[in-house]
């Protein structure tokens, strides 16, 4: 769907991975990983995202749509679509909103995010995103700061905002056990706090260090 709006929003992309199953949301998905992240996690799973190289490949929403639409039949048949990750995809809110205008409502759009962005970014994205995969690290503010180098206020505010908007059921919250940073008791405490907000879908796992 193209409403004729002439918008040029380029974003540096690490890579585009097609035909993913059961890892990035429902159905057949294409993972689009952006450069750029506000966190500096001690066991970063994608360090390529932290520094944008001089020759990073730039996509516009239009060029990304042209590349991903080859799998449209798979997306529609399986309830899949495009998952935006990184890095931090919520830093690219305007890009993703424009991409939704191009692909229309039938593709499922998912964000893999830490939610460590201004709440305004989430307000913009909520109407166009179908699902969130949220890696919170830990709800304990001290653990979060020690592990990521950042304050967790934005994360908690955004979690509350999403829940208040009735979208907690569209989220899978990842609660990792991080060797040397949190404990099983910390993880259980995080889950209980999230449940009081209204979240019920969790992915519990252990980071490989």
N, C-alpha and C. Protein backbone atom coordinates (compact mmCIF):
# COMPACT_ATOMS: atom_id res chain seq x y z
N UNK A 1 0.86 -1.19 0.00
CA UNK A 1 0.00 0.00 0.00
C UNK A 1 0.88 1.23 0.00
N UNK A 2 0.72 2.11 -0.95
CA UNK A 2 1.51 3.33 -1.04
C UNK A 2 0.55 4.49 -1.16
N UNK A 3 0.55 5.39 -0.18
CA UNK A 3 -0.39 6.50 -0.19
C UNK A 3 0.13 7.70 -0.97
N UNK A 4 1.25 7.50 -1.65
CA UNK A 4 1.78 8.55 -2.49
C UNK A 4 2.64 9.55 -1.75
N UNK A 5 2.80 9.40 -0.47
CA UNK A 5 3.63 10.33 0.29
C UNK A 5 5.09 10.18 -0.10
N UNK A 6 5.74 11.28 -0.34
CA UNK A 6 7.15 11.25 -0.76
C UNK A 6 8.02 11.47 0.47
N UNK A 7 8.47 10.39 1.05
CA UNK A 7 9.30 10.46 2.25
C UNK A 7 10.57 9.66 2.01
N UNK A 8 11.71 10.25 2.30
CA UNK A 8 12.98 9.54 2.17
C UNK A 8 13.59 9.42 3.56
N UNK A 9 13.58 8.22 4.11
CA UNK A 9 14.13 7.97 5.44
C UNK A 9 15.09 6.80 5.31
N UNK A 10 16.36 7.07 5.34
CA UNK A 10 17.35 6.01 5.20
C UNK A 10 17.80 5.53 6.57
N UNK A 11 18.11 4.23 6.66
CA UNK A 11 18.59 3.66 7.91
C UNK A 11 19.68 2.64 7.61
N UNK A 12 20.74 2.60 8.42
CA UNK A 12 21.82 1.62 8.21
C UNK A 12 21.39 0.25 8.70
N UNK A 13 21.51 -0.75 7.84
CA UNK A 13 21.04 -2.09 8.13
C UNK A 13 22.22 -3.06 8.15
N UNK A 14 22.29 -3.88 9.20
CA UNK A 14 23.34 -4.89 9.30
C UNK A 14 23.09 -6.01 8.30
N UNK A 15 21.84 -6.45 8.23
CA UNK A 15 21.53 -7.56 7.33
C UNK A 15 20.04 -7.82 7.28
N UNK A 16 19.64 -8.60 6.26
CA UNK A 16 18.26 -9.02 6.06
C UNK A 16 18.28 -10.53 5.92
N UNK A 17 17.62 -11.24 6.84
CA UNK A 17 17.64 -12.71 6.87
C UNK A 17 16.24 -13.23 6.58
N UNK A 18 16.09 -13.99 5.52
CA UNK A 18 14.78 -14.49 5.09
C UNK A 18 14.48 -15.87 5.65
N UNK A 19 13.20 -16.24 5.58
CA UNK A 19 12.71 -17.59 5.84
C UNK A 19 13.06 -18.09 7.24
N UNK A 20 12.83 -17.26 8.22
CA UNK A 20 13.07 -17.66 9.60
C UNK A 20 11.77 -18.20 10.19
N UNK A 21 11.89 -19.25 11.00
CA UNK A 21 10.73 -19.90 11.59
C UNK A 21 10.92 -20.05 13.10
N UNK A 22 9.89 -19.70 13.87
CA UNK A 22 9.84 -19.97 15.31
C UNK A 22 10.94 -19.27 16.11
N UNK A 23 11.54 -18.21 15.56
CA UNK A 23 12.57 -17.49 16.30
C UNK A 23 12.24 -16.01 16.47
N UNK A 24 11.50 -15.44 15.54
CA UNK A 24 11.27 -14.00 15.53
C UNK A 24 9.78 -13.65 15.43
N UNK A 25 8.94 -14.47 16.02
CA UNK A 25 7.52 -14.21 15.95
C UNK A 25 6.77 -15.27 15.16
N UNK A 26 5.54 -14.98 14.82
CA UNK A 26 4.68 -15.96 14.16
C UNK A 26 5.08 -16.20 12.71
N UNK A 27 4.81 -17.43 12.24
CA UNK A 27 4.93 -17.73 10.82
C UNK A 27 6.33 -17.57 10.26
N UNK A 28 6.38 -17.46 8.93
CA UNK A 28 7.64 -17.20 8.23
C UNK A 28 7.97 -15.72 8.37
N UNK A 29 9.17 -15.43 8.81
CA UNK A 29 9.55 -14.04 9.01
C UNK A 29 10.86 -13.72 8.30
N UNK A 30 11.00 -12.46 8.01
CA UNK A 30 12.27 -11.90 7.56
C UNK A 30 12.77 -10.97 8.66
N UNK A 31 13.99 -11.21 9.12
CA UNK A 31 14.57 -10.39 10.18
C UNK A 31 15.40 -9.27 9.54
N UNK A 32 15.11 -8.05 9.94
CA UNK A 32 15.86 -6.88 9.50
C UNK A 32 16.56 -6.29 10.71
N UNK A 33 17.89 -6.28 10.70
CA UNK A 33 18.67 -5.83 11.85
C UNK A 33 19.28 -4.47 11.56
N UNK A 34 18.95 -3.48 12.38
CA UNK A 34 19.47 -2.13 12.23
C UNK A 34 20.76 -1.95 13.03
N UNK A 35 21.62 -1.06 12.53
CA UNK A 35 22.72 -0.56 13.35
C UNK A 35 22.18 0.43 14.37
N UNK A 36 22.87 0.54 15.50
CA UNK A 36 22.54 1.53 16.50
C UNK A 36 21.84 0.95 17.71
N UNK A 37 22.40 1.21 18.90
CA UNK A 37 21.81 0.73 20.15
C UNK A 37 22.24 1.65 21.28
N UNK A 38 21.32 2.02 22.18
CA UNK A 38 21.69 2.89 23.30
C UNK A 38 22.38 2.15 24.44
N UNK A 39 22.30 0.82 24.44
CA UNK A 39 22.86 0.04 25.54
C UNK A 39 24.28 -0.43 25.21
N UNK A 40 24.99 -0.79 26.25
CA UNK A 40 26.32 -1.38 26.09
C UNK A 40 26.40 -2.62 27.00
N UNK A 41 25.63 -3.62 26.61
CA UNK A 41 25.51 -4.83 27.43
C UNK A 41 26.83 -5.58 27.50
N UNK A 42 27.11 -6.15 28.65
CA UNK A 42 28.38 -6.83 28.84
C UNK A 42 28.52 -8.05 27.94
N UNK A 43 27.41 -8.76 27.67
CA UNK A 43 27.44 -9.92 26.77
C UNK A 43 26.58 -9.62 25.55
N UNK A 44 26.91 -8.58 24.83
CA UNK A 44 26.11 -8.16 23.68
C UNK A 44 26.03 -9.30 22.66
N UNK A 45 24.81 -9.62 22.23
CA UNK A 45 24.61 -10.71 21.27
C UNK A 45 24.91 -10.28 19.85
N UNK A 46 24.92 -8.98 19.60
CA UNK A 46 25.16 -8.49 18.24
C UNK A 46 26.04 -7.25 18.29
N UNK A 47 27.33 -7.40 18.61
CA UNK A 47 28.19 -6.23 18.74
C UNK A 47 28.35 -5.43 17.45
N UNK A 48 28.04 -6.05 16.29
CA UNK A 48 28.11 -5.32 15.03
C UNK A 48 27.15 -4.13 15.03
N UNK A 49 26.13 -4.20 15.87
CA UNK A 49 25.13 -3.13 15.88
C UNK A 49 25.59 -1.88 16.61
N UNK A 50 26.64 -1.99 17.40
CA UNK A 50 27.01 -0.89 18.28
C UNK A 50 27.68 0.27 17.56
N UNK A 51 28.46 -0.04 16.55
CA UNK A 51 29.18 0.99 15.82
C UNK A 51 28.80 0.89 14.35
N UNK A 52 28.35 1.99 13.81
CA UNK A 52 27.98 2.00 12.39
C UNK A 52 29.24 2.14 11.54
N UNK A 53 29.54 1.16 10.69
CA UNK A 53 30.73 1.28 9.84
C UNK A 53 30.54 2.33 8.77
N UNK A 54 31.67 2.82 8.23
CA UNK A 54 31.60 3.87 7.22
C UNK A 54 30.83 3.43 5.98
N UNK A 55 30.89 2.15 5.66
CA UNK A 55 30.26 1.64 4.46
C UNK A 55 29.01 0.80 4.78
N UNK A 56 28.32 1.16 5.83
CA UNK A 56 27.09 0.45 6.17
C UNK A 56 26.08 0.57 5.04
N UNK A 57 25.35 -0.51 4.78
CA UNK A 57 24.35 -0.48 3.72
C UNK A 57 23.13 0.30 4.19
N UNK A 58 22.76 1.31 3.44
CA UNK A 58 21.61 2.13 3.76
C UNK A 58 20.39 1.65 2.99
N UNK A 59 19.28 1.51 3.71
CA UNK A 59 18.00 1.19 3.08
C UNK A 59 17.04 2.35 3.30
N UNK A 60 16.20 2.58 2.34
CA UNK A 60 15.01 3.38 2.55
C UNK A 60 13.86 2.41 2.82
N UNK A 61 12.75 2.87 3.39
CA UNK A 61 11.61 1.96 3.53
C UNK A 61 11.19 1.36 2.20
N UNK A 62 11.30 2.16 1.14
CA UNK A 62 10.91 1.68 -0.19
C UNK A 62 11.82 0.57 -0.67
N UNK A 63 13.13 0.73 -0.50
CA UNK A 63 14.05 -0.30 -0.98
C UNK A 63 13.94 -1.57 -0.14
N UNK A 64 13.69 -1.41 1.16
CA UNK A 64 13.50 -2.60 2.00
C UNK A 64 12.21 -3.32 1.61
N UNK A 65 11.16 -2.57 1.36
CA UNK A 65 9.90 -3.19 0.94
C UNK A 65 10.10 -3.95 -0.38
N UNK A 66 10.81 -3.35 -1.31
CA UNK A 66 11.04 -4.01 -2.59
C UNK A 66 11.79 -5.33 -2.41
N UNK A 67 12.72 -5.36 -1.43
CA UNK A 67 13.50 -6.57 -1.20
C UNK A 67 12.70 -7.64 -0.45
N UNK A 68 11.84 -7.23 0.46
CA UNK A 68 11.15 -8.21 1.30
C UNK A 68 9.84 -8.70 0.69
N UNK A 69 9.28 -7.97 -0.24
CA UNK A 69 7.97 -8.34 -0.77
C UNK A 69 8.01 -9.65 -1.56
N UNK A 70 9.19 -10.13 -1.90
CA UNK A 70 9.32 -11.41 -2.61
C UNK A 70 8.70 -12.55 -1.79
N UNK A 71 8.64 -12.38 -0.48
CA UNK A 71 8.09 -13.42 0.40
C UNK A 71 6.68 -13.10 0.89
N UNK A 72 6.00 -12.21 0.24
CA UNK A 72 4.68 -11.80 0.70
C UNK A 72 3.70 -12.97 0.81
N UNK A 73 3.72 -13.88 -0.15
CA UNK A 73 2.81 -15.03 -0.10
C UNK A 73 3.07 -15.88 1.13
N UNK A 74 4.36 -16.07 1.49
CA UNK A 74 4.69 -16.81 2.71
C UNK A 74 4.17 -16.08 3.94
N UNK A 75 4.36 -14.76 3.97
CA UNK A 75 3.91 -13.98 5.12
C UNK A 75 2.40 -14.14 5.33
N UNK A 76 1.66 -13.95 4.26
CA UNK A 76 0.20 -13.96 4.37
C UNK A 76 -0.31 -15.36 4.69
N UNK A 77 0.30 -16.38 4.08
CA UNK A 77 -0.17 -17.76 4.29
C UNK A 77 0.11 -18.26 5.70
N UNK A 78 1.17 -17.77 6.33
CA UNK A 78 1.58 -18.30 7.63
C UNK A 78 1.32 -17.34 8.78
N UNK A 79 0.82 -16.15 8.49
CA UNK A 79 0.66 -15.15 9.54
C UNK A 79 1.97 -14.52 9.97
N UNK A 80 2.94 -14.55 9.07
CA UNK A 80 4.25 -14.00 9.38
C UNK A 80 4.43 -12.60 8.81
N UNK A 81 5.69 -12.21 8.67
CA UNK A 81 5.98 -10.87 8.17
C UNK A 81 7.42 -10.49 8.45
N UNK A 82 7.62 -9.24 8.82
CA UNK A 82 8.96 -8.71 9.05
C UNK A 82 9.16 -8.43 10.53
N UNK A 83 10.27 -8.89 11.05
CA UNK A 83 10.68 -8.57 12.42
C UNK A 83 11.86 -7.62 12.36
N UNK A 84 11.73 -6.50 13.03
CA UNK A 84 12.81 -5.51 13.09
C UNK A 84 13.59 -5.71 14.38
N UNK A 85 14.90 -5.88 14.25
CA UNK A 85 15.76 -6.04 15.40
C UNK A 85 17.00 -5.17 15.26
N UNK A 86 18.06 -5.60 15.89
CA UNK A 86 19.27 -4.79 15.81
C UNK A 86 20.33 -5.28 16.75
N UNK A 87 20.90 -4.33 17.47
CA UNK A 87 20.53 -2.95 17.65
C UNK A 87 19.14 -2.75 18.23
N UNK A 88 18.72 -1.50 18.16
CA UNK A 88 17.44 -1.11 18.74
C UNK A 88 16.53 -0.54 17.65
N UNK A 89 15.55 -1.32 17.20
CA UNK A 89 14.69 -0.86 16.11
C UNK A 89 13.77 0.29 16.49
N UNK A 90 13.46 0.45 17.77
CA UNK A 90 12.57 1.54 18.16
C UNK A 90 13.20 2.91 17.94
N UNK A 91 14.50 2.95 17.68
CA UNK A 91 15.16 4.19 17.30
C UNK A 91 14.82 4.58 15.87
N UNK A 92 14.19 3.68 15.13
CA UNK A 92 13.87 3.90 13.71
C UNK A 92 12.36 3.98 13.51
N UNK A 93 11.68 4.70 14.38
CA UNK A 93 10.22 4.70 14.36
C UNK A 93 9.66 5.24 13.06
N UNK A 94 10.20 6.33 12.54
CA UNK A 94 9.67 6.90 11.30
C UNK A 94 9.86 5.95 10.13
N UNK A 95 11.00 5.29 10.08
CA UNK A 95 11.28 4.31 9.03
C UNK A 95 10.22 3.19 9.07
N UNK A 96 9.96 2.67 10.26
CA UNK A 96 9.04 1.54 10.40
C UNK A 96 7.60 1.96 10.08
N UNK A 97 7.22 3.17 10.49
CA UNK A 97 5.88 3.66 10.17
C UNK A 97 5.71 3.78 8.66
N UNK A 98 6.72 4.29 7.99
CA UNK A 98 6.64 4.39 6.52
C UNK A 98 6.60 3.01 5.89
N UNK A 99 7.36 2.07 6.42
CA UNK A 99 7.35 0.71 5.90
C UNK A 99 5.96 0.11 6.02
N UNK A 100 5.27 0.35 7.13
CA UNK A 100 3.90 -0.15 7.29
C UNK A 100 2.98 0.44 6.22
N UNK A 101 3.15 1.69 5.90
CA UNK A 101 2.34 2.30 4.86
C UNK A 101 2.53 1.56 3.53
N UNK A 102 3.73 1.11 3.29
CA UNK A 102 4.04 0.43 2.02
C UNK A 102 3.53 -1.00 2.00
N UNK A 103 3.71 -1.74 3.08
CA UNK A 103 3.36 -3.16 3.06
C UNK A 103 1.89 -3.41 3.36
N UNK A 104 1.21 -2.44 3.96
CA UNK A 104 -0.20 -2.61 4.27
C UNK A 104 -0.41 -3.44 5.52
N UNK A 105 -1.67 -3.74 5.84
CA UNK A 105 -2.00 -4.36 7.12
C UNK A 105 -1.83 -5.87 7.18
N UNK A 106 -1.60 -6.54 6.04
CA UNK A 106 -1.60 -8.01 6.06
C UNK A 106 -0.31 -8.62 6.58
N UNK A 107 0.80 -7.90 6.48
CA UNK A 107 2.05 -8.42 7.03
C UNK A 107 2.06 -8.18 8.53
N UNK A 108 2.58 -9.17 9.25
CA UNK A 108 2.77 -9.00 10.69
C UNK A 108 4.13 -8.33 10.93
N UNK A 109 4.11 -7.20 11.62
CA UNK A 109 5.35 -6.50 11.96
C UNK A 109 5.63 -6.67 13.45
N UNK A 110 6.84 -7.10 13.75
CA UNK A 110 7.25 -7.39 15.12
C UNK A 110 8.53 -6.62 15.43
N UNK A 111 8.67 -6.20 16.66
CA UNK A 111 9.90 -5.55 17.12
C UNK A 111 10.60 -6.39 18.16
N UNK A 112 11.90 -6.63 17.96
CA UNK A 112 12.75 -7.19 19.01
C UNK A 112 13.46 -6.01 19.66
N UNK A 113 13.13 -5.71 20.90
CA UNK A 113 13.53 -4.43 21.48
C UNK A 113 13.86 -4.55 22.96
N UNK A 114 14.68 -3.63 23.42
CA UNK A 114 14.92 -3.50 24.86
C UNK A 114 14.01 -2.44 25.47
N UNK A 115 13.30 -1.68 24.62
CA UNK A 115 12.42 -0.58 25.03
C UNK A 115 13.17 0.59 25.66
N UNK A 116 14.49 0.64 25.50
CA UNK A 116 15.24 1.74 26.11
C UNK A 116 15.30 2.92 25.13
N UNK A 117 14.14 3.50 24.90
CA UNK A 117 13.99 4.65 24.00
C UNK A 117 12.98 5.61 24.62
N UNK A 118 12.91 6.86 24.16
CA UNK A 118 11.89 7.77 24.66
C UNK A 118 10.49 7.22 24.44
N UNK A 119 9.57 7.50 25.36
CA UNK A 119 8.22 6.95 25.27
C UNK A 119 7.52 7.42 24.00
N UNK A 120 7.91 8.59 23.48
CA UNK A 120 7.32 9.08 22.24
C UNK A 120 7.53 8.12 21.08
N UNK A 121 8.67 7.43 21.05
CA UNK A 121 8.92 6.45 19.99
C UNK A 121 7.91 5.32 20.07
N UNK A 122 7.62 4.86 21.29
CA UNK A 122 6.66 3.77 21.47
C UNK A 122 5.25 4.24 21.12
N UNK A 123 4.91 5.46 21.49
CA UNK A 123 3.60 6.01 21.14
C UNK A 123 3.40 6.01 19.63
N UNK A 124 4.45 6.36 18.88
CA UNK A 124 4.36 6.38 17.42
C UNK A 124 4.23 4.98 16.84
N UNK A 125 4.93 4.03 17.43
CA UNK A 125 5.00 2.68 16.85
C UNK A 125 3.82 1.80 17.22
N UNK A 126 3.22 2.03 18.37
CA UNK A 126 2.19 1.12 18.87
C UNK A 126 1.06 0.89 17.85
N UNK A 127 0.59 1.90 17.13
CA UNK A 127 -0.51 1.66 16.19
C UNK A 127 -0.13 0.82 14.98
N UNK A 128 1.16 0.70 14.67
CA UNK A 128 1.55 0.00 13.43
C UNK A 128 2.24 -1.33 13.68
N UNK A 129 2.50 -1.68 14.95
CA UNK A 129 3.22 -2.90 15.28
C UNK A 129 2.25 -3.94 15.83
N UNK A 130 2.40 -5.19 15.37
CA UNK A 130 1.53 -6.28 15.82
C UNK A 130 2.04 -6.98 17.07
N UNK A 131 3.34 -7.07 17.22
CA UNK A 131 3.88 -7.80 18.36
C UNK A 131 5.24 -7.28 18.78
N UNK A 132 5.55 -7.51 20.04
CA UNK A 132 6.84 -7.10 20.60
C UNK A 132 7.52 -8.30 21.23
N UNK A 133 8.82 -8.44 21.00
CA UNK A 133 9.66 -9.37 21.74
C UNK A 133 10.61 -8.49 22.55
N UNK A 134 10.40 -8.45 23.86
CA UNK A 134 11.06 -7.46 24.70
C UNK A 134 12.11 -8.14 25.58
N UNK A 135 13.35 -7.74 25.42
CA UNK A 135 14.44 -8.27 26.25
C UNK A 135 14.71 -7.25 27.35
N UNK A 136 14.17 -7.51 28.54
CA UNK A 136 14.24 -6.52 29.61
C UNK A 136 15.55 -6.59 30.41
N UNK A 137 16.34 -7.63 30.18
CA UNK A 137 17.55 -7.89 30.99
C UNK A 137 17.14 -8.26 32.43
N UNK A 138 16.72 -7.28 33.22
CA UNK A 138 16.27 -7.54 34.59
C UNK A 138 15.49 -6.33 35.07
N UNK A 139 14.43 -6.55 35.84
CA UNK A 139 13.63 -5.44 36.33
C UNK A 139 14.29 -4.72 37.51
N UNK A 140 15.27 -5.35 38.12
CA UNK A 140 16.02 -4.72 39.20
C UNK A 140 16.90 -3.61 38.60
N UNK A 141 16.68 -2.39 39.03
CA UNK A 141 17.38 -1.25 38.43
C UNK A 141 18.90 -1.35 38.57
N UNK A 142 19.37 -1.85 39.71
CA UNK A 142 20.82 -1.96 39.91
C UNK A 142 21.42 -3.02 38.99
N UNK A 143 20.73 -4.16 38.86
CA UNK A 143 21.22 -5.20 37.96
C UNK A 143 21.25 -4.69 36.52
N UNK A 144 20.17 -4.03 36.12
CA UNK A 144 20.08 -3.51 34.76
C UNK A 144 21.22 -2.54 34.46
N UNK A 145 21.46 -1.60 35.36
CA UNK A 145 22.50 -0.60 35.11
C UNK A 145 23.88 -1.23 35.09
N UNK A 146 24.11 -2.18 35.98
CA UNK A 146 25.42 -2.83 36.02
C UNK A 146 25.68 -3.61 34.74
N UNK A 147 24.63 -4.20 34.17
CA UNK A 147 24.79 -5.04 32.98
C UNK A 147 24.80 -4.23 31.69
N UNK A 148 23.99 -3.18 31.62
CA UNK A 148 23.84 -2.45 30.35
C UNK A 148 24.58 -1.12 30.31
N UNK A 149 24.96 -0.61 31.49
CA UNK A 149 25.57 0.71 31.53
C UNK A 149 24.57 1.85 31.44
N UNK A 150 23.27 1.54 31.51
CA UNK A 150 22.22 2.54 31.37
C UNK A 150 21.20 2.41 32.49
N UNK A 151 20.47 3.49 32.71
CA UNK A 151 19.36 3.49 33.65
C UNK A 151 18.15 2.81 33.01
N UNK A 152 17.31 2.17 33.81
CA UNK A 152 16.18 1.41 33.27
C UNK A 152 14.84 2.16 33.32
N UNK A 153 14.87 3.45 33.63
CA UNK A 153 13.63 4.20 33.78
C UNK A 153 12.79 4.15 32.51
N UNK A 154 13.41 4.34 31.36
CA UNK A 154 12.67 4.33 30.10
C UNK A 154 12.03 2.96 29.85
N UNK A 155 12.76 1.91 30.16
CA UNK A 155 12.24 0.56 29.94
C UNK A 155 10.97 0.36 30.76
N UNK A 156 11.03 0.69 32.03
CA UNK A 156 9.89 0.47 32.92
C UNK A 156 8.71 1.36 32.52
N UNK A 157 9.00 2.63 32.18
CA UNK A 157 7.92 3.52 31.75
C UNK A 157 7.24 2.99 30.48
N UNK A 158 8.03 2.47 29.55
CA UNK A 158 7.46 1.95 28.31
C UNK A 158 6.68 0.66 28.53
N UNK A 159 7.16 -0.19 29.42
CA UNK A 159 6.41 -1.40 29.77
C UNK A 159 5.04 -1.02 30.34
N UNK A 160 5.01 -0.05 31.21
CA UNK A 160 3.74 0.39 31.81
C UNK A 160 2.83 0.99 30.74
N UNK A 161 3.41 1.78 29.84
CA UNK A 161 2.61 2.43 28.80
C UNK A 161 1.96 1.38 27.89
N UNK A 162 2.73 0.40 27.46
CA UNK A 162 2.21 -0.64 26.58
C UNK A 162 1.08 -1.40 27.27
N UNK A 163 1.27 -1.71 28.55
CA UNK A 163 0.24 -2.42 29.30
C UNK A 163 -1.01 -1.57 29.47
N UNK A 164 -0.82 -0.29 29.78
CA UNK A 164 -1.97 0.60 29.95
C UNK A 164 -2.78 0.74 28.67
N UNK A 165 -2.12 0.58 27.53
CA UNK A 165 -2.81 0.66 26.24
C UNK A 165 -3.44 -0.67 25.84
N UNK A 166 -3.39 -1.64 26.74
CA UNK A 166 -4.02 -2.93 26.48
C UNK A 166 -3.27 -3.83 25.54
N UNK A 167 -1.96 -3.63 25.43
CA UNK A 167 -1.17 -4.40 24.46
C UNK A 167 -0.22 -5.40 25.10
N UNK A 168 -0.33 -5.63 26.40
CA UNK A 168 0.59 -6.57 27.05
C UNK A 168 0.47 -7.97 26.45
N UNK A 169 -0.73 -8.34 26.02
CA UNK A 169 -0.92 -9.66 25.44
C UNK A 169 -0.24 -9.85 24.11
N UNK A 170 0.20 -8.76 23.48
CA UNK A 170 0.92 -8.83 22.21
C UNK A 170 2.43 -8.91 22.40
N UNK A 171 2.85 -9.07 23.64
CA UNK A 171 4.28 -9.04 23.95
C UNK A 171 4.76 -10.37 24.51
N UNK A 172 5.93 -10.78 24.07
CA UNK A 172 6.68 -11.84 24.73
C UNK A 172 7.86 -11.16 25.42
N UNK A 173 7.96 -11.34 26.73
CA UNK A 173 9.03 -10.70 27.49
C UNK A 173 10.11 -11.72 27.80
N UNK A 174 11.31 -11.43 27.34
CA UNK A 174 12.45 -12.30 27.60
C UNK A 174 13.08 -11.91 28.93
N UNK A 175 13.21 -12.90 29.81
CA UNK A 175 13.83 -12.66 31.12
C UNK A 175 15.03 -13.59 31.23
N UNK A 176 16.21 -13.11 30.95
CA UNK A 176 17.38 -14.00 30.94
C UNK A 176 17.99 -14.18 32.32
N UNK A 177 18.65 -15.29 32.49
CA UNK A 177 19.55 -15.49 33.61
C UNK A 177 20.94 -15.13 33.10
N UNK A 178 21.55 -14.11 33.70
CA UNK A 178 22.82 -13.57 33.20
C UNK A 178 23.90 -13.89 34.22
N UNK A 179 24.78 -14.81 33.86
CA UNK A 179 25.82 -15.25 34.78
C UNK A 179 26.64 -14.07 35.30
N UNK A 180 26.74 -13.95 36.60
CA UNK A 180 27.53 -12.90 37.21
C UNK A 180 26.78 -11.61 37.44
N UNK A 181 25.51 -11.54 37.00
CA UNK A 181 24.76 -10.29 37.13
C UNK A 181 23.43 -10.46 37.85
N UNK A 182 22.70 -11.54 37.58
CA UNK A 182 21.47 -11.76 38.31
C UNK A 182 21.34 -13.22 38.71
N UNK A 183 20.33 -13.51 39.49
CA UNK A 183 20.14 -14.86 40.01
C UNK A 183 18.75 -15.35 39.63
N UNK A 184 18.49 -16.62 39.92
CA UNK A 184 17.16 -17.16 39.67
C UNK A 184 16.11 -16.41 40.49
N UNK A 185 16.48 -16.00 41.69
CA UNK A 185 15.56 -15.23 42.52
C UNK A 185 15.26 -13.87 41.88
N UNK A 186 16.27 -13.24 41.30
CA UNK A 186 16.07 -11.97 40.60
C UNK A 186 15.09 -12.16 39.43
N UNK A 187 15.27 -13.25 38.70
CA UNK A 187 14.42 -13.50 37.55
C UNK A 187 12.97 -13.74 37.97
N UNK A 188 12.79 -14.50 39.04
CA UNK A 188 11.44 -14.74 39.55
C UNK A 188 10.80 -13.43 40.01
N UNK A 189 11.59 -12.56 40.63
CA UNK A 189 11.08 -11.26 41.06
C UNK A 189 10.68 -10.41 39.86
N UNK A 190 11.50 -10.45 38.80
CA UNK A 190 11.17 -9.71 37.58
C UNK A 190 9.85 -10.19 36.99
N UNK A 191 9.67 -11.50 36.95
CA UNK A 191 8.44 -12.05 36.37
C UNK A 191 7.22 -11.63 37.19
N UNK A 192 7.34 -11.67 38.50
CA UNK A 192 6.21 -11.27 39.35
C UNK A 192 5.85 -9.80 39.12
N UNK A 193 6.86 -8.96 39.02
CA UNK A 193 6.59 -7.53 38.80
C UNK A 193 5.92 -7.31 37.45
N UNK A 194 6.36 -8.03 36.44
CA UNK A 194 5.76 -7.90 35.11
C UNK A 194 4.32 -8.42 35.10
N UNK A 195 4.08 -9.47 35.84
CA UNK A 195 2.71 -10.01 35.92
C UNK A 195 1.77 -9.01 36.56
N UNK A 196 2.25 -8.24 37.53
CA UNK A 196 1.38 -7.22 38.14
C UNK A 196 1.02 -6.12 37.14
N UNK A 197 1.87 -5.92 36.12
CA UNK A 197 1.57 -4.95 35.07
C UNK A 197 0.58 -5.49 34.05
N UNK A 198 0.46 -6.84 33.99
CA UNK A 198 -0.44 -7.44 33.02
C UNK A 198 0.21 -8.33 32.00
N UNK A 199 1.52 -8.51 32.09
CA UNK A 199 2.23 -9.36 31.14
C UNK A 199 2.10 -10.83 31.56
N UNK A 200 1.97 -11.71 30.57
CA UNK A 200 1.76 -13.13 30.89
C UNK A 200 2.55 -14.07 30.00
N UNK A 201 3.20 -13.55 28.98
CA UNK A 201 3.96 -14.40 28.05
C UNK A 201 5.44 -14.13 28.26
N UNK A 202 6.17 -15.17 28.69
CA UNK A 202 7.57 -14.99 29.05
C UNK A 202 8.45 -16.02 28.36
N UNK A 203 9.67 -15.61 28.07
CA UNK A 203 10.70 -16.49 27.53
C UNK A 203 11.85 -16.48 28.53
N UNK A 204 12.00 -17.60 29.23
CA UNK A 204 13.05 -17.71 30.25
C UNK A 204 14.20 -18.52 29.67
N UNK A 205 15.40 -17.97 29.76
CA UNK A 205 16.55 -18.66 29.19
C UNK A 205 17.81 -18.14 29.88
N UNK A 206 18.94 -18.73 29.54
CA UNK A 206 20.23 -18.32 30.11
C UNK A 206 21.11 -17.78 29.02
N UNK A 207 21.69 -16.61 29.24
CA UNK A 207 22.64 -16.04 28.28
C UNK A 207 23.88 -16.94 28.19
N UNK A 208 24.35 -17.13 26.97
CA UNK A 208 25.65 -17.79 26.78
C UNK A 208 26.73 -16.73 26.86
N UNK A 209 27.71 -16.98 27.73
CA UNK A 209 28.75 -15.97 27.95
C UNK A 209 30.06 -16.46 27.38
